């Protein structure tokens, strides 16, 4: 009688960043069993950073008891990339990565299925499966950090669009007359206005314009405004600093204008906001919620639309990468 093969119960998830690569083993029920981190060594070039990815995967496969216990390797990476082909096109923080067929390279080296996904898309899927949006099918995910990344989840799956590059919501223009130029080349993208660097840039301008006005931000930075961070702005705003409150209110207002348009277009069940800037918390979310109804035609549905902080802060990239192999998402 033939021996019944034991089903593969683990997914290997890899989250590639500019400075570190995180990886873990996730069960089909979404439990993270093992996790480890290695440096990317991106400054040493593509081959070295690829080698670091291989080292991490090899270590995790040994912890899994061999590749026979792993059903696939999910990888999330900075874009631009093509998830259909598994090719990483040209990410700014991975020098030398030009048209790298990452999924094919990993499949060939380890003999396992491999999928590659944009990191914001993967994080959004993870929030739907394991996080704040668990149980929802139609979700708009936002990460507010150094940039603004977004993921569109439709009927429980990532929406990629015709060319695989849908979901670049951070580059939607909300103020075409803005003096602030985005890294993409357009003026007034929401990323240029409401990302972490966008917040601090506007705060520095206001502090310089009102050079005689007292502000906690001056003492927090010890007079060096280049040290200003969104966290400082949030803390000063909570302590009723006038300049910090102006910047926080403007940031939340821009986000509310932008998300109002998203609601008109996508009609999501939930909006989930993660990333470092989101950790400012209640003052940011309250202003966003107050602004959104003004800028959507679907305002009658806004009172029942949750706009919530992300739940998966630690290892969200590993969860997102592993999510690519969960039943119903492929």
C-alpha atoms as a PDB file:
ATOM      1  CA  UNK A   1       0.000   0.000   0.000  1.00  0.00           C
ATOM      2  CA  UNK A   2       1.442   3.359  -1.020  1.00  0.00           C
ATOM      3  CA  UNK A   3       2.364   5.697   1.803  1.00  0.00           C
ATOM      4  CA  UNK A   4       0.185   8.820   1.940  1.00  0.00           C
ATOM      5  CA  UNK A   5       2.227  11.989   1.476  1.00  0.00           C
ATOM      6  CA  UNK A   6       1.902  14.458   4.326  1.00  0.00           C
ATOM      7  CA  UNK A   7       0.566  17.814   3.078  1.00  0.00           C
ATOM      8  CA  UNK A   8       2.979  20.712   3.105  1.00  0.00           C
ATOM      9  CA  UNK A   9       1.967  22.913   6.030  1.00  0.00           C
ATOM     10  CA  UNK A  10       4.373  25.856   5.830  1.00  0.00           C
ATOM     11  CA  UNK A  11       4.895  28.899   3.613  1.00  0.00           C
ATOM     12  CA  UNK A  12       8.238  30.662   3.501  1.00  0.00           C
ATOM     13  CA  UNK A  13       7.836  34.460   3.398  1.00  0.00           C
ATOM     14  CA  UNK A  14      10.626  36.896   2.507  1.00  0.00           C
ATOM     15  CA  UNK A  15      10.454  40.686   2.875  1.00  0.00           C
ATOM     16  CA  UNK A  16      13.224  42.546   1.008  1.00  0.00           C
ATOM     17  CA  UNK A  17      14.158  46.019   2.182  1.00  0.00           C
ATOM     18  CA  UNK A  18      16.954  48.406   1.351  1.00  0.00           C
ATOM     19  CA  UNK A  19      18.847  47.676   4.578  1.00  0.00           C
ATOM     20  CA  UNK A  20      17.518  44.322   5.801  1.00  0.00           C
ATOM     21  CA  UNK A  21      15.802  41.174   4.580  1.00  0.00           C
ATOM     22  CA  UNK A  22      13.313  39.533   6.932  1.00  0.00           C
ATOM     23  CA  UNK A  23      12.041  36.003   6.497  1.00  0.00           C
ATOM     24  CA  UNK A  24       9.799  33.591   8.315  1.00  0.00           C
ATOM     25  CA  UNK A  25       7.834  30.372   8.238  1.00  0.00           C
ATOM     26  CA  UNK A  26       4.066  30.850   8.326  1.00  0.00           C
ATOM     27  CA  UNK A  27       1.473  28.120   8.769  1.00  0.00           C
ATOM     28  CA  UNK A  28      -1.561  27.805   6.511  1.00  0.00           C
ATOM     29  CA  UNK A  29      -3.579  29.196   9.431  1.00  0.00           C
ATOM     30  CA  UNK A  30      -1.446  32.321   9.561  1.00  0.00           C
ATOM     31  CA  UNK A  31       0.803  31.622  12.550  1.00  0.00           C
ATOM     32  CA  UNK A  32       4.402  32.813  12.321  1.00  0.00           C
ATOM     33  CA  UNK A  33       6.624  29.979  13.565  1.00  0.00           C
ATOM     34  CA  UNK A  34      10.118  31.237  12.842  1.00  0.00           C
ATOM     35  CA  UNK A  35      11.546  34.605  11.873  1.00  0.00           C
ATOM     36  CA  UNK A  36      15.036  35.885  11.133  1.00  0.00           C
ATOM     37  CA  UNK A  37      16.741  38.897   9.595  1.00  0.00           C
ATOM     38  CA  UNK A  38      19.912  39.354   7.544  1.00  0.00           C
ATOM     39  CA  UNK A  39      21.419  42.591   6.165  1.00  0.00           C
ATOM     40  CA  UNK A  40      20.634  43.323   2.529  1.00  0.00           C
ATOM     41  CA  UNK A  41      24.135  44.667   1.791  1.00  0.00           C
ATOM     42  CA  UNK A  42      22.500  46.509  -1.104  1.00  0.00           C
ATOM     43  CA  UNK A  43      25.429  48.882  -1.514  1.00  0.00           C
ATOM     44  CA  UNK A  44      27.594  45.912  -2.566  1.00  0.00           C
ATOM     45  CA  UNK A  45      25.438  45.299  -5.619  1.00  0.00           C
ATOM     46  CA  UNK A  46      22.810  42.944  -6.976  1.00  0.00           C
ATOM     47  CA  UNK A  47      24.720  39.667  -6.714  1.00  0.00           C
ATOM     48  CA  UNK A  48      25.618  40.206  -3.062  1.00  0.00           C
ATOM     49  CA  UNK A  49      22.074  41.134  -2.044  1.00  0.00           C
ATOM     50  CA  UNK A  50      20.699  38.174  -4.025  1.00  0.00           C
ATOM     51  CA  UNK A  51      23.161  35.995  -2.131  1.00  0.00           C
ATOM     52  CA  UNK A  52      21.765  37.304   1.150  1.00  0.00           C
ATOM     53  CA  UNK A  53      18.266  36.323   0.054  1.00  0.00           C
ATOM     54  CA  UNK A  54      19.477  32.821  -0.793  1.00  0.00           C
ATOM     55  CA  UNK A  55      21.245  32.500   2.572  1.00  0.00           C
ATOM     56  CA  UNK A  56      18.069  33.479   4.420  1.00  0.00           C
ATOM     57  CA  UNK A  57      15.871  31.083   2.446  1.00  0.00           C
ATOM     58  CA  UNK A  58      18.353  28.244   2.973  1.00  0.00           C
ATOM     59  CA  UNK A  59      18.387  28.760   6.723  1.00  0.00           C
ATOM     60  CA  UNK A  60      14.595  28.844   6.901  1.00  0.00           C
ATOM     61  CA  UNK A  61      14.257  25.680   4.811  1.00  0.00           C
ATOM     62  CA  UNK A  62      16.531  23.897   7.288  1.00  0.00           C
ATOM     63  CA  UNK A  63      14.361  25.130  10.167  1.00  0.00           C
ATOM     64  CA  UNK A  64      11.311  23.837   8.284  1.00  0.00           C
ATOM     65  CA  UNK A  65      12.837  20.373   8.178  1.00  0.00           C
ATOM     66  CA  UNK A  66      13.430  20.517   4.440  1.00  0.00           C
ATOM     67  CA  UNK A  67      11.669  21.839   1.365  1.00  0.00           C
ATOM     68  CA  UNK A  68       9.254  18.916   1.423  1.00  0.00           C
ATOM     69  CA  UNK A  69       7.453  20.720   4.277  1.00  0.00           C
ATOM     70  CA  UNK A  70       7.127  24.030   2.395  1.00  0.00           C
ATOM     71  CA  UNK A  71       4.461  24.672  -0.244  1.00  0.00           C
ATOM     72  CA  UNK A  72       5.999  27.849  -1.676  1.00  0.00           C
ATOM     73  CA  UNK A  73       8.226  30.876  -1.253  1.00  0.00           C
ATOM     74  CA  UNK A  74       6.488  34.252  -1.262  1.00  0.00           C
ATOM     75  CA  UNK A  75       8.626  37.350  -1.691  1.00  0.00           C
ATOM     76  CA  UNK A  76       7.672  40.988  -1.314  1.00  0.00           C
ATOM     77  CA  UNK A  77       9.976  43.609  -2.739  1.00  0.00           C
ATOM     78  CA  UNK A  78      10.053  47.326  -3.369  1.00  0.00           C
ATOM     79  CA  UNK A  79       8.727  48.186  -6.786  1.00  0.00           C
ATOM     80  CA  UNK A  80       8.488  48.740  -9.592  1.00  0.00           C
ATOM     81  CA  UNK A  81       8.026  45.073 -10.390  1.00  0.00           C
ATOM     82  CA  UNK A  82       5.804  42.789 -12.421  1.00  0.00           C
ATOM     83  CA  UNK A  83       4.062  40.203 -10.230  1.00  0.00           C
ATOM     84  CA  UNK A  84       2.868  38.200 -13.247  1.00  0.00           C
ATOM     85  CA  UNK A  85       6.420  37.541 -14.441  1.00  0.00           C
ATOM     86  CA  UNK A  86       8.170  37.791 -11.069  1.00  0.00           C
ATOM     87  CA  UNK A  87      10.607  40.348 -12.472  1.00  0.00           C
ATOM     88  CA  UNK A  88      11.874  43.183 -10.258  1.00  0.00           C
ATOM     89  CA  UNK A  89      12.298  46.105 -12.638  1.00  0.00           C
ATOM     90  CA  UNK A  90      14.310  48.915 -11.031  1.00  0.00           C
ATOM     91  CA  UNK A  91      13.790  49.629  -7.305  1.00  0.00           C
ATOM     92  CA  UNK A  92      15.579  52.823  -6.223  1.00  0.00           C
ATOM     93  CA  UNK A  93      16.874  51.362  -2.943  1.00  0.00           C
ATOM     94  CA  UNK A  94      18.342  48.198  -4.508  1.00  0.00           C
ATOM     95  CA  UNK A  95      21.277  49.403  -6.634  1.00  0.00           C
ATOM     96  CA  UNK A  96      21.993  47.332  -9.720  1.00  0.00           C
ATOM     97  CA  UNK A  97      18.620  45.587  -9.734  1.00  0.00           C
ATOM     98  CA  UNK A  98      17.491  46.003 -13.334  1.00  0.00           C
ATOM     99  CA  UNK A  99      14.983  43.483 -14.714  1.00  0.00           C
ATOM    100  CA  UNK A 100      15.945  40.803 -12.184  1.00  0.00           C
ATOM    101  CA  UNK A 101      13.843  37.616 -12.715  1.00  0.00           C
ATOM    102  CA  UNK A 102      13.671  37.024  -8.970  1.00  0.00           C
ATOM    103  CA  UNK A 103      10.852  34.457  -8.922  1.00  0.00           C
ATOM    104  CA  UNK A 104      12.552  32.345 -11.605  1.00  0.00           C
ATOM    105  CA  UNK A 105      15.930  32.530  -9.857  1.00  0.00           C
ATOM    106  CA  UNK A 106      14.458  31.390  -6.538  1.00  0.00           C
ATOM    107  CA  UNK A 107      12.422  28.595  -8.166  1.00  0.00           C
ATOM    108  CA  UNK A 108      15.477  27.276  -9.957  1.00  0.00           C
ATOM    109  CA  UNK A 109      17.748  27.427  -6.926  1.00  0.00           C
ATOM    110  CA  UNK A 110      15.400  25.846  -4.373  1.00  0.00           C
ATOM    111  CA  UNK A 111      13.032  23.738  -6.482  1.00  0.00           C
ATOM    112  CA  UNK A 112       9.910  25.302  -4.994  1.00  0.00           C
ATOM    113  CA  UNK A 113       7.158  27.541  -6.379  1.00  0.00           C
ATOM    114  CA  UNK A 114       7.969  31.231  -5.895  1.00  0.00           C
ATOM    115  CA  UNK A 115       5.900  34.393  -6.274  1.00  0.00           C
ATOM    116  CA  UNK A 116       6.968  38.046  -6.098  1.00  0.00           C
ATOM    117  CA  UNK A 117       4.709  40.933  -5.094  1.00  0.00           C
ATOM    118  CA  UNK A 118       4.933  44.668  -4.430  1.00  0.00           C
ATOM    119  CA  UNK A 119       5.441  45.213  -0.701  1.00  0.00           C
ATOM    120  CA  UNK A 120       2.411  47.494  -0.198  1.00  0.00           C
ATOM    121  CA  UNK A 121       0.120  45.081  -2.055  1.00  0.00           C
ATOM    122  CA  UNK A 122       1.378  42.199   0.060  1.00  0.00           C
ATOM    123  CA  UNK A 123       0.926  44.149   3.288  1.00  0.00           C
ATOM    124  CA  UNK A 124      -2.652  44.969   2.289  1.00  0.00           C
ATOM    125  CA  UNK A 125      -3.396  41.314   1.630  1.00  0.00           C
ATOM    126  CA  UNK A 126      -1.901  40.395   5.001  1.00  0.00           C
ATOM    127  CA  UNK A 127      -4.166  42.886   6.778  1.00  0.00           C
ATOM    128  CA  UNK A 128      -7.173  41.297   5.052  1.00  0.00           C
ATOM    129  CA  UNK A 129      -6.154  37.767   6.004  1.00  0.00           C
ATOM    130  CA  UNK A 130      -4.683  38.267   9.475  1.00  0.00           C
ATOM    131  CA  UNK A 131      -5.012  41.878  10.551  1.00  0.00           C
ATOM    132  CA  UNK A 132      -7.361  44.824  10.933  1.00  0.00           C
ATOM    133  CA  UNK A 133      -9.471  43.928   7.868  1.00  0.00           C
ATOM    134  CA  UNK A 134      -9.954  40.234   8.646  1.00  0.00           C
ATOM    135  CA  UNK A 135     -13.293  39.118   7.240  1.00  0.00           C
ATOM    136  CA  UNK A 136     -13.468  41.927   4.653  1.00  0.00           C
ATOM    137  CA  UNK A 137     -13.317  41.328   0.905  1.00  0.00           C
ATOM    138  CA  UNK A 138     -12.907  44.854  -0.508  1.00  0.00           C
ATOM    139  CA  UNK A 139     -10.186  46.899   1.198  1.00  0.00           C
ATOM    140  CA  UNK A 140      -7.974  49.887   0.437  1.00  0.00           C
ATOM    141  CA  UNK A 141      -4.644  49.678   2.269  1.00  0.00           C
ATOM    142  CA  UNK A 142      -2.300  52.619   2.834  1.00  0.00           C
ATOM    143  CA  UNK A 143       1.174  52.750   4.298  1.00  0.00           C
ATOM    144  CA  UNK A 144       2.275  56.247   5.367  1.00  0.00           C
ATOM    145  CA  UNK A 145       6.022  56.248   5.708  1.00  0.00           C
ATOM    146  CA  UNK A 146       8.992  57.594   3.740  1.00  0.00           C
ATOM    147  CA  UNK A 147       6.617  57.342   0.794  1.00  0.00           C
ATOM    148  CA  UNK A 148       2.944  56.473   0.487  1.00  0.00           C
ATOM    149  CA  UNK A 149       2.246  52.972  -0.743  1.00  0.00           C
ATOM    150  CA  UNK A 150      -1.185  51.512  -1.378  1.00  0.00           C
ATOM    151  CA  UNK A 151      -2.776  48.174  -2.086  1.00  0.00           C
ATOM    152  CA  UNK A 152      -6.207  47.503  -3.571  1.00  0.00           C
ATOM    153  CA  UNK A 153      -7.883  44.283  -2.468  1.00  0.00           C
ATOM    154  CA  UNK A 154     -10.934  43.320  -4.512  1.00  0.00           C
ATOM    155  CA  UNK A 155     -12.931  40.224  -3.586  1.00  0.00           C
ATOM    156  CA  UNK A 156     -10.092  39.068  -1.340  1.00  0.00           C
ATOM    157  CA  UNK A 157      -7.408  39.335  -4.030  1.00  0.00           C
ATOM    158  CA  UNK A 158      -4.846  41.956  -5.015  1.00  0.00           C
ATOM    159  CA  UNK A 159      -5.926  44.089  -7.956  1.00  0.00           C
ATOM    160  CA  UNK A 160      -2.972  44.435 -10.341  1.00  0.00           C
ATOM    161  CA  UNK A 161      -4.450  46.113 -13.409  1.00  0.00           C
ATOM    162  CA  UNK A 162      -3.515  45.488 -17.041  1.00  0.00           C
ATOM    163  CA  UNK A 163       0.271  45.860 -16.664  1.00  0.00           C
ATOM    164  CA  UNK A 164       0.605  44.636 -13.091  1.00  0.00           C
ATOM    165  CA  UNK A 165       1.333  48.094 -11.681  1.00  0.00           C
ATOM    166  CA  UNK A 166      -2.065  49.176 -10.292  1.00  0.00           C
ATOM    167  CA  UNK A 167      -2.228  50.566  -6.794  1.00  0.00           C
ATOM    168  CA  UNK A 168       0.331  53.389  -7.042  1.00  0.00           C
ATOM    169  CA  UNK A 169      -2.063  55.572  -5.076  1.00  0.00           C
ATOM    170  CA  UNK A 170       0.720  57.636  -3.566  1.00  0.00           C
ATOM    171  CA  UNK A 171       1.154  59.321  -6.940  1.00  0.00           C
ATOM    172  CA  UNK A 172      -2.405  60.575  -7.301  1.00  0.00           C
ATOM    173  CA  UNK A 173      -2.265  64.381  -7.566  1.00  0.00           C
ATOM    174  CA  UNK A 174      -4.407  66.221  -5.018  1.00  0.00           C
ATOM    175  CA  UNK A 175      -3.034  69.736  -5.579  1.00  0.00           C
ATOM    176  CA  UNK A 176      -1.662  70.415  -9.059  1.00  0.00           C
ATOM    177  CA  UNK A 177      -0.714  73.975  -8.050  1.00  0.00           C
ATOM    178  CA  UNK A 178       1.457  72.778  -5.190  1.00  0.00           C
ATOM    179  CA  UNK A 179       5.072  73.986  -5.090  1.00  0.00           C
ATOM    180  CA  UNK A 180       6.123  70.540  -3.885  1.00  0.00           C
ATOM    181  CA  UNK A 181       7.560  68.237  -6.529  1.00  0.00           C
ATOM    182  CA  UNK A 182       7.179  64.493  -6.017  1.00  0.00           C
ATOM    183  CA  UNK A 183       9.964  62.014  -6.730  1.00  0.00           C
ATOM    184  CA  UNK A 184       7.858  60.727  -9.642  1.00  0.00           C
ATOM    185  CA  UNK A 185       8.131  64.130 -11.345  1.00  0.00           C
ATOM    186  CA  UNK A 186       4.570  65.367 -10.765  1.00  0.00           C
ATOM    187  CA  UNK A 187       3.549  68.245  -8.526  1.00  0.00           C
ATOM    188  CA  UNK A 188       1.181  67.844  -5.615  1.00  0.00           C
ATOM    189  CA  UNK A 189       1.055  64.043  -5.355  1.00  0.00           C
ATOM    190  CA  UNK A 190      -0.318  62.912  -2.024  1.00  0.00           C
ATOM    191  CA  UNK A 191       3.106  61.369  -1.336  1.00  0.00           C
ATOM    192  CA  UNK A 192       4.807  64.749  -1.770  1.00  0.00           C
ATOM    193  CA  UNK A 193       2.377  66.348   0.674  1.00  0.00           C
ATOM    194  CA  UNK A 194       1.514  63.764   3.327  1.00  0.00           C
ATOM    195  CA  UNK A 195       4.372  61.260   3.562  1.00  0.00           C
ATOM    196  CA  UNK A 196       6.853  61.579   6.408  1.00  0.00           C
ATOM    197  CA  UNK A 197       9.301  63.695   4.380  1.00  0.00           C
ATOM    198  CA  UNK A 198       6.363  65.725   3.005  1.00  0.00           C
ATOM    199  CA  UNK A 199       5.211  66.564   6.532  1.00  0.00           C
ATOM    200  CA  UNK A 200       8.648  67.555   7.767  1.00  0.00           C
ATOM    201  CA  UNK A 201       9.377  69.629   4.650  1.00  0.00           C
ATOM    202  CA  UNK A 202       6.198  71.664   5.109  1.00  0.00           C
ATOM    203  CA  UNK A 203       6.957  72.060   8.824  1.00  0.00           C
ATOM    204  CA  UNK A 204      10.450  73.385   8.136  1.00  0.00           C
ATOM    205  CA  UNK A 205       9.090  75.920   5.654  1.00  0.00           C
ATOM    206  CA  UNK A 206       6.500  77.144   8.163  1.00  0.00           C
ATOM    207  CA  UNK A 207       9.046  77.361  10.979  1.00  0.00           C
ATOM    208  CA  UNK A 208      11.355  79.403   8.748  1.00  0.00           C
ATOM    209  CA  UNK A 209       8.521  81.667   7.606  1.00  0.00           C
ATOM    210  CA  UNK A 210       7.459  82.239  11.233  1.00  0.00           C
ATOM    211  CA  UNK A 211      11.018  82.407  12.555  1.00  0.00           C
ATOM    212  CA  UNK A 212       9.950  84.504  15.538  1.00  0.00           C
ATOM    213  CA  UNK A 213       7.112  82.220  16.630  1.00  0.00           C
ATOM    214  CA  UNK A 214       7.823  79.932  19.600  1.00  0.00           C
ATOM    215  CA  UNK A 215       7.491  76.216  18.913  1.00  0.00           C
ATOM    216  CA  UNK A 216       8.355  73.002  20.714  1.00  0.00           C
ATOM    217  CA  UNK A 217       9.706  71.771  17.385  1.00  0.00           C
ATOM    218  CA  UNK A 218      12.647  74.155  17.679  1.00  0.00           C
ATOM    219  CA  UNK A 219      13.673  72.745  21.046  1.00  0.00           C
ATOM    220  CA  UNK A 220      12.992  69.153  20.001  1.00  0.00           C
ATOM    221  CA  UNK A 221      15.430  69.535  17.115  1.00  0.00           C
ATOM    222  CA  UNK A 222      17.900  71.592  19.190  1.00  0.00           C
ATOM    223  CA  UNK A 223      17.637  74.281  16.551  1.00  0.00           C
ATOM    224  CA  UNK A 224      18.562  71.937  13.681  1.00  0.00           C
ATOM    225  CA  UNK A 225      15.381  71.603  11.646  1.00  0.00           C
ATOM    226  CA  UNK A 226      16.922  68.915   9.443  1.00  0.00           C
ATOM    227  CA  UNK A 227      16.444  66.579  12.439  1.00  0.00           C
ATOM    228  CA  UNK A 228      12.677  67.066  12.420  1.00  0.00           C
ATOM    229  CA  UNK A 229      10.555  63.875  12.268  1.00  0.00           C
ATOM    230  CA  UNK A 230       6.819  63.138  11.937  1.00  0.00           C
ATOM    231  CA  UNK A 231       6.934  61.669  15.444  1.00  0.00           C
ATOM    232  CA  UNK A 232       8.134  65.008  16.805  1.00  0.00           C
ATOM    233  CA  UNK A 233       5.335  66.800  14.961  1.00  0.00           C
ATOM    234  CA  UNK A 234       2.772  64.395  16.419  1.00  0.00           C
ATOM    235  CA  UNK A 235       4.115  64.757  19.953  1.00  0.00           C
ATOM    236  CA  UNK A 236       4.243  68.556  19.732  1.00  0.00           C
ATOM    237  CA  UNK A 237       0.696  68.662  18.334  1.00  0.00           C
ATOM    238  CA  UNK A 238      -0.555  66.644  21.315  1.00  0.00           C
ATOM    239  CA  UNK A 239       1.039  69.290  23.536  1.00  0.00           C
ATOM    240  CA  UNK A 240      -0.896  71.983  21.645  1.00  0.00           C
ATOM    241  CA  UNK A 241       2.043  73.440  19.748  1.00  0.00           C
ATOM    242  CA  UNK A 242       0.459  75.796  17.211  1.00  0.00           C
ATOM    243  CA  UNK A 243       2.808  75.123  14.281  1.00  0.00           C
ATOM    244  CA  UNK A 244       2.751  71.357  14.805  1.00  0.00           C
ATOM    245  CA  UNK A 245      -1.044  71.390  14.895  1.00  0.00           C
ATOM    246  CA  UNK A 246      -1.203  73.314  11.623  1.00  0.00           C
ATOM    247  CA  UNK A 247       1.058  70.749   9.934  1.00  0.00           C
ATOM    248  CA  UNK A 248      -0.834  67.794  11.385  1.00  0.00           C
ATOM    249  CA  UNK A 249      -4.199  69.244  10.385  1.00  0.00           C
ATOM    250  CA  UNK A 250      -2.969  70.010   6.860  1.00  0.00           C
ATOM    251  CA  UNK A 251      -1.566  66.494   6.481  1.00  0.00           C
ATOM    252  CA  UNK A 252      -4.792  64.861   7.631  1.00  0.00           C
ATOM    253  CA  UNK A 253      -6.790  67.219   5.401  1.00  0.00           C
ATOM    254  CA  UNK A 254      -4.778  66.248   2.319  1.00  0.00           C
ATOM    255  CA  UNK A 255      -5.257  62.571   3.210  1.00  0.00           C
ATOM    256  CA  UNK A 256      -8.985  63.112   3.688  1.00  0.00           C
ATOM    257  CA  UNK A 257      -9.304  64.789   0.271  1.00  0.00           C
ATOM    258  CA  UNK A 258      -7.414  61.920  -1.342  1.00  0.00           C
ATOM    259  CA  UNK A 259      -9.316  59.161   0.463  1.00  0.00           C
ATOM    260  CA  UNK A 260     -12.629  60.837  -0.397  1.00  0.00           C
ATOM    261  CA  UNK A 261     -11.760  60.268  -4.054  1.00  0.00           C
ATOM    262  CA  UNK A 262     -10.756  56.688  -3.308  1.00  0.00           C
ATOM    263  CA  UNK A 263     -14.142  56.049  -1.709  1.00  0.00           C
ATOM    264  CA  UNK A 264     -15.959  57.519  -4.722  1.00  0.00           C
ATOM    265  CA  UNK A 265     -13.980  55.265  -7.043  1.00  0.00           C
ATOM    266  CA  UNK A 266     -13.653  51.980  -5.112  1.00  0.00           C
ATOM    267  CA  UNK A 267     -16.452  51.902  -2.502  1.00  0.00           C
ATOM    268  CA  UNK A 268     -14.313  49.811  -0.084  1.00  0.00           C
ATOM    269  CA  UNK A 269     -15.562  47.971   2.984  1.00  0.00           C
ATOM    270  CA  UNK A 270     -12.647  49.313   5.007  1.00  0.00           C
ATOM    271  CA  UNK A 271      -9.632  51.585   4.735  1.00  0.00           C
ATOM    272  CA  UNK A 272      -6.567  50.420   6.680  1.00  0.00           C
ATOM    273  CA  UNK A 273      -3.699  52.836   7.317  1.00  0.00           C
ATOM    274  CA  UNK A 274      -0.279  51.658   8.477  1.00  0.00           C
ATOM    275  CA  UNK A 275       3.294  52.913   8.451  1.00  0.00           C
ATOM    276  CA  UNK A 276       5.239  55.145  10.805  1.00  0.00           C
ATOM    277  CA  UNK A 277       3.217  58.325  10.208  1.00  0.00           C
ATOM    278  CA  UNK A 278      -0.021  56.509  11.098  1.00  0.00           C
ATOM    279  CA  UNK A 279       1.335  55.975  14.601  1.00  0.00           C
ATOM    280  CA  UNK A 280       0.596  59.634  15.352  1.00  0.00           C
ATOM    281  CA  UNK A 281      -2.774  58.084  16.091  1.00  0.00           C
ATOM    282  CA  UNK A 282      -6.089  59.632  17.068  1.00  0.00           C
ATOM    283  CA  UNK A 283      -5.492  63.299  16.097  1.00  0.00           C
ATOM    284  CA  UNK A 284      -4.553  62.220  12.565  1.00  0.00           C
ATOM    285  CA  UNK A 285      -7.397  59.732  12.156  1.00  0.00           C
ATOM    286  CA  UNK A 286     -10.026  62.077  13.622  1.00  0.00           C
ATOM    287  CA  UNK A 287      -9.191  64.823  11.113  1.00  0.00           C
ATOM    288  CA  UNK A 288      -9.127  62.342   8.213  1.00  0.00           C
ATOM    289  CA  UNK A 289     -12.561  61.011   9.184  1.00  0.00           C
ATOM    290  CA  UNK A 290     -13.946  64.551   9.440  1.00  0.00           C
ATOM    291  CA  UNK A 291     -12.611  65.532   6.007  1.00  0.00           C
ATOM    292  CA  UNK A 292     -13.484  62.457   3.934  1.00  0.00           C
ATOM    293  CA  UNK A 293     -17.279  63.075   3.688  1.00  0.00           C
ATOM    294  CA  UNK A 294     -16.711  66.496   2.114  1.00  0.00           C
ATOM    295  CA  UNK A 295     -14.836  65.000  -0.830  1.00  0.00           C
ATOM    296  CA  UNK A 296     -16.816  61.920  -1.860  1.00  0.00           C
ATOM    297  CA  UNK A 297     -20.074  61.520  -3.715  1.00  0.00           C
ATOM    298  CA  UNK A 298     -20.675  58.441  -1.547  1.00  0.00           C
ATOM    299  CA  UNK A 299     -20.831  60.457   1.675  1.00  0.00           C
ATOM    300  CA  UNK A 300     -23.974  58.662   2.846  1.00  0.00           C
ATOM    301  CA  UNK A 301     -21.895  55.507   3.321  1.00  0.00           C
ATOM    302  CA  UNK A 302     -18.953  57.138   5.110  1.00  0.00           C
ATOM    303  CA  UNK A 303     -20.408  56.905   8.663  1.00  0.00           C
ATOM    304  CA  UNK A 304     -20.378  53.105   8.338  1.00  0.00           C
ATOM    305  CA  UNK A 305     -16.964  52.913   6.623  1.00  0.00           C
ATOM    306  CA  UNK A 306     -14.186  52.009   9.092  1.00  0.00           C
ATOM    307  CA  UNK A 307     -10.936  53.951   8.618  1.00  0.00           C
ATOM    308  CA  UNK A 308      -8.624  52.142  10.990  1.00  0.00           C
ATOM    309  CA  UNK A 309      -4.953  51.740  11.945  1.00  0.00           C
ATOM    310  CA  UNK A 310      -3.139  48.679  10.639  1.00  0.00           C
ATOM    311  CA  UNK A 311      -2.834  45.799  13.077  1.00  0.00           C
ATOM    312  CA  UNK A 312       0.225  44.009  11.693  1.00  0.00           C
ATOM    313  CA  UNK A 313       3.133  46.310  12.438  1.00  0.00           C
ATOM    314  CA  UNK A 314       5.887  43.808  13.185  1.00  0.00           C
ATOM    315  CA  UNK A 315       6.698  41.337  10.418  1.00  0.00           C
ATOM    316  CA  UNK A 316       3.878  42.618   8.197  1.00  0.00           C
ATOM    317  CA  UNK A 317       6.120  42.058   5.162  1.00  0.00           C
ATOM    318  CA  UNK A 318       6.739  38.421   6.077  1.00  0.00           C
ATOM    319  CA  UNK A 319       3.020  37.851   6.617  1.00  0.00           C
ATOM    320  CA  UNK A 320       2.270  39.607   3.326  1.00  0.00           C
ATOM    321  CA  UNK A 321       4.777  37.535   1.377  1.00  0.00           C
ATOM    322  CA  UNK A 322       3.455  34.306   2.869  1.00  0.00           C
ATOM    323  CA  UNK A 323      -0.112  35.388   2.086  1.00  0.00           C
ATOM    324  CA  UNK A 324       0.625  34.974  -1.609  1.00  0.00           C
ATOM    325  CA  UNK A 325       0.375  31.185  -1.189  1.00  0.00           C
ATOM    326  CA  UNK A 326      -2.675  30.999   1.025  1.00  0.00           C
ATOM    327  CA  UNK A 327      -5.752  29.293  -0.424  1.00  0.00           C
ATOM    328  CA  UNK A 328      -8.045  31.684  -2.288  1.00  0.00           C
ATOM    329  CA  UNK A 329      -5.426  34.362  -2.924  1.00  0.00           C
ATOM    330  CA  UNK A 330      -3.559  32.887  -5.888  1.00  0.00           C
END
